[in-house]
C-alpha cells in the first residue's frame, strides 16, 4: 500500500529529514517508524520515561517531608 501526504510545509519536511538523519534512517524509513508508532500507540497510556518527562515539563515536585509523612503513616499501622 502507498500513502501520500500533500502540501507538507518546507520547514516540517526539513525537520523530518533532520530527524531521519539523527536516527540513521532514510526519510521513508523515518516516516514509516513514526506512522507505525502512532498506529500501535494505545491512547491514554504512557511509558515511565514519558511520564517522567511530563512531570518535569509541568514542574511537579513533592515536598521533602513526603517521605516522613509516608513513614509515619506506615509506622502507625
C-alpha atoms as a PDB file:
ATOM      1  CA  UNK A   1       0.000   0.000   0.000  1.00  0.00           C
ATOM      2  CA  UNK A   2       1.218   3.512  -0.743  1.00  0.00           C
ATOM      3  CA  UNK A   3       0.295   6.579   1.295  1.00  0.00           C
ATOM      4  CA  UNK A   4       0.893  10.182   0.368  1.00  0.00           C
ATOM      5  CA  UNK A   5       0.887  13.441   2.297  1.00  0.00           C
ATOM      6  CA  UNK A   6       0.479  16.500   0.113  1.00  0.00           C
ATOM      7  CA  UNK A   7       1.470  20.105   0.748  1.00  0.00           C
ATOM      8  CA  UNK A   8       3.975  19.426   3.530  1.00  0.00           C
ATOM      9  CA  UNK A   9       5.467  22.766   4.600  1.00  0.00           C
ATOM     10  CA  UNK A  10       9.171  23.098   3.797  1.00  0.00           C
ATOM     11  CA  UNK A  11      10.065  23.681   7.456  1.00  0.00           C
ATOM     12  CA  UNK A  12       8.310  20.477   8.534  1.00  0.00           C
ATOM     13  CA  UNK A  13       9.940  18.482   5.733  1.00  0.00           C
ATOM     14  CA  UNK A  14      13.344  19.792   6.830  1.00  0.00           C
ATOM     15  CA  UNK A  15      12.671  18.791  10.443  1.00  0.00           C
ATOM     16  CA  UNK A  16      11.661  15.304   9.323  1.00  0.00           C
ATOM     17  CA  UNK A  17      14.823  14.945   7.224  1.00  0.00           C
ATOM     18  CA  UNK A  18      16.919  16.024  10.227  1.00  0.00           C
ATOM     19  CA  UNK A  19      15.127  13.532  12.455  1.00  0.00           C
ATOM     20  CA  UNK A  20      15.710  10.764   9.915  1.00  0.00           C
ATOM     21  CA  UNK A  21      19.414  11.604   9.774  1.00  0.00           C
ATOM     22  CA  UNK A  22      19.676  11.564  13.597  1.00  0.00           C
ATOM     23  CA  UNK A  23      18.094   8.112  13.615  1.00  0.00           C
ATOM     24  CA  UNK A  24      20.271   6.870  10.733  1.00  0.00           C
ATOM     25  CA  UNK A  25      17.245   6.268   8.531  1.00  0.00           C
ATOM     26  CA  UNK A  26      16.055   7.377   5.152  1.00  0.00           C
ATOM     27  CA  UNK A  27      13.178   9.832   5.155  1.00  0.00           C
ATOM     28  CA  UNK A  28      10.907   6.965   4.059  1.00  0.00           C
ATOM     29  CA  UNK A  29      12.164   4.789   6.930  1.00  0.00           C
ATOM     30  CA  UNK A  30      11.660   7.573   9.456  1.00  0.00           C
ATOM     31  CA  UNK A  31       8.135   8.263   8.244  1.00  0.00           C
ATOM     32  CA  UNK A  32       7.333   4.551   8.462  1.00  0.00           C
ATOM     33  CA  UNK A  33       8.665   4.436  12.040  1.00  0.00           C
ATOM     34  CA  UNK A  34       6.547   7.454  13.015  1.00  0.00           C
ATOM     35  CA  UNK A  35       3.395   6.065  11.416  1.00  0.00           C
ATOM     36  CA  UNK A  36       3.945   2.608  12.943  1.00  0.00           C
ATOM     37  CA  UNK A  37       4.496   4.047  16.433  1.00  0.00           C
ATOM     38  CA  UNK A  38       1.369   6.195  16.120  1.00  0.00           C
ATOM     39  CA  UNK A  39      -0.727   3.290  14.866  1.00  0.00           C
ATOM     40  CA  UNK A  40       0.393   0.993  17.690  1.00  0.00           C
ATOM     41  CA  UNK A  41       0.007   3.618  20.409  1.00  0.00           C
ATOM     42  CA  UNK A  42      -2.638   2.901  22.971  1.00  0.00           C
ATOM     43  CA  UNK A  43      -4.453   6.112  23.852  1.00  0.00           C
ATOM     44  CA  UNK A  44      -4.137   7.134  27.474  1.00  0.00           C
ATOM     45  CA  UNK A  45      -1.010   5.122  28.203  1.00  0.00           C
ATOM     46  CA  UNK A  46       2.441   6.483  28.882  1.00  0.00           C
ATOM     47  CA  UNK A  47       5.788   4.869  29.349  1.00  0.00           C
ATOM     48  CA  UNK A  48       7.723   5.605  32.528  1.00  0.00           C
ATOM     49  CA  UNK A  49      10.092   7.801  30.504  1.00  0.00           C
ATOM     50  CA  UNK A  50       7.163   9.756  29.028  1.00  0.00           C
ATOM     51  CA  UNK A  51       5.622  10.180  32.476  1.00  0.00           C
ATOM     52  CA  UNK A  52       8.938  11.409  33.902  1.00  0.00           C
ATOM     53  CA  UNK A  53       9.279  13.887  31.026  1.00  0.00           C
ATOM     54  CA  UNK A  54       5.735  15.166  31.557  1.00  0.00           C
ATOM     55  CA  UNK A  55       6.312  15.593  35.308  1.00  0.00           C
ATOM     56  CA  UNK A  56       9.461  17.604  34.593  1.00  0.00           C
ATOM     57  CA  UNK A  57       7.664  19.669  31.942  1.00  0.00           C
ATOM     58  CA  UNK A  58       4.909  20.541  34.397  1.00  0.00           C
ATOM     59  CA  UNK A  59       7.395  21.311  37.166  1.00  0.00           C
ATOM     60  CA  UNK A  60       5.695  18.925  39.570  1.00  0.00           C
ATOM     61  CA  UNK A  61       7.655  18.257  42.716  1.00  0.00           C
ATOM     62  CA  UNK A  62       6.953  16.618  46.021  1.00  0.00           C
ATOM     63  CA  UNK A  63       7.731  18.259  49.300  1.00  0.00           C
ATOM     64  CA  UNK A  64      10.797  16.893  51.061  1.00  0.00           C
ATOM     65  CA  UNK A  65       8.674  15.926  54.036  1.00  0.00           C
ATOM     66  CA  UNK A  66       6.617  13.478  51.958  1.00  0.00           C
ATOM     67  CA  UNK A  67       8.902  10.557  52.884  1.00  0.00           C
ATOM     68  CA  UNK A  68       8.444  11.383  56.566  1.00  0.00           C
ATOM     69  CA  UNK A  69       4.661  11.531  56.144  1.00  0.00           C
ATOM     70  CA  UNK A  70       4.605   8.128  54.442  1.00  0.00           C
ATOM     71  CA  UNK A  71       6.937   6.620  57.066  1.00  0.00           C
ATOM     72  CA  UNK A  72       4.754   7.997  59.867  1.00  0.00           C
ATOM     73  CA  UNK A  73       1.660   6.514  58.237  1.00  0.00           C
ATOM     74  CA  UNK A  74       3.316   3.108  57.858  1.00  0.00           C
ATOM     75  CA  UNK A  75       4.608   3.119  61.441  1.00  0.00           C
ATOM     76  CA  UNK A  76       1.118   3.913  62.691  1.00  0.00           C
ATOM     77  CA  UNK A  77      -0.341   0.689  61.316  1.00  0.00           C
END
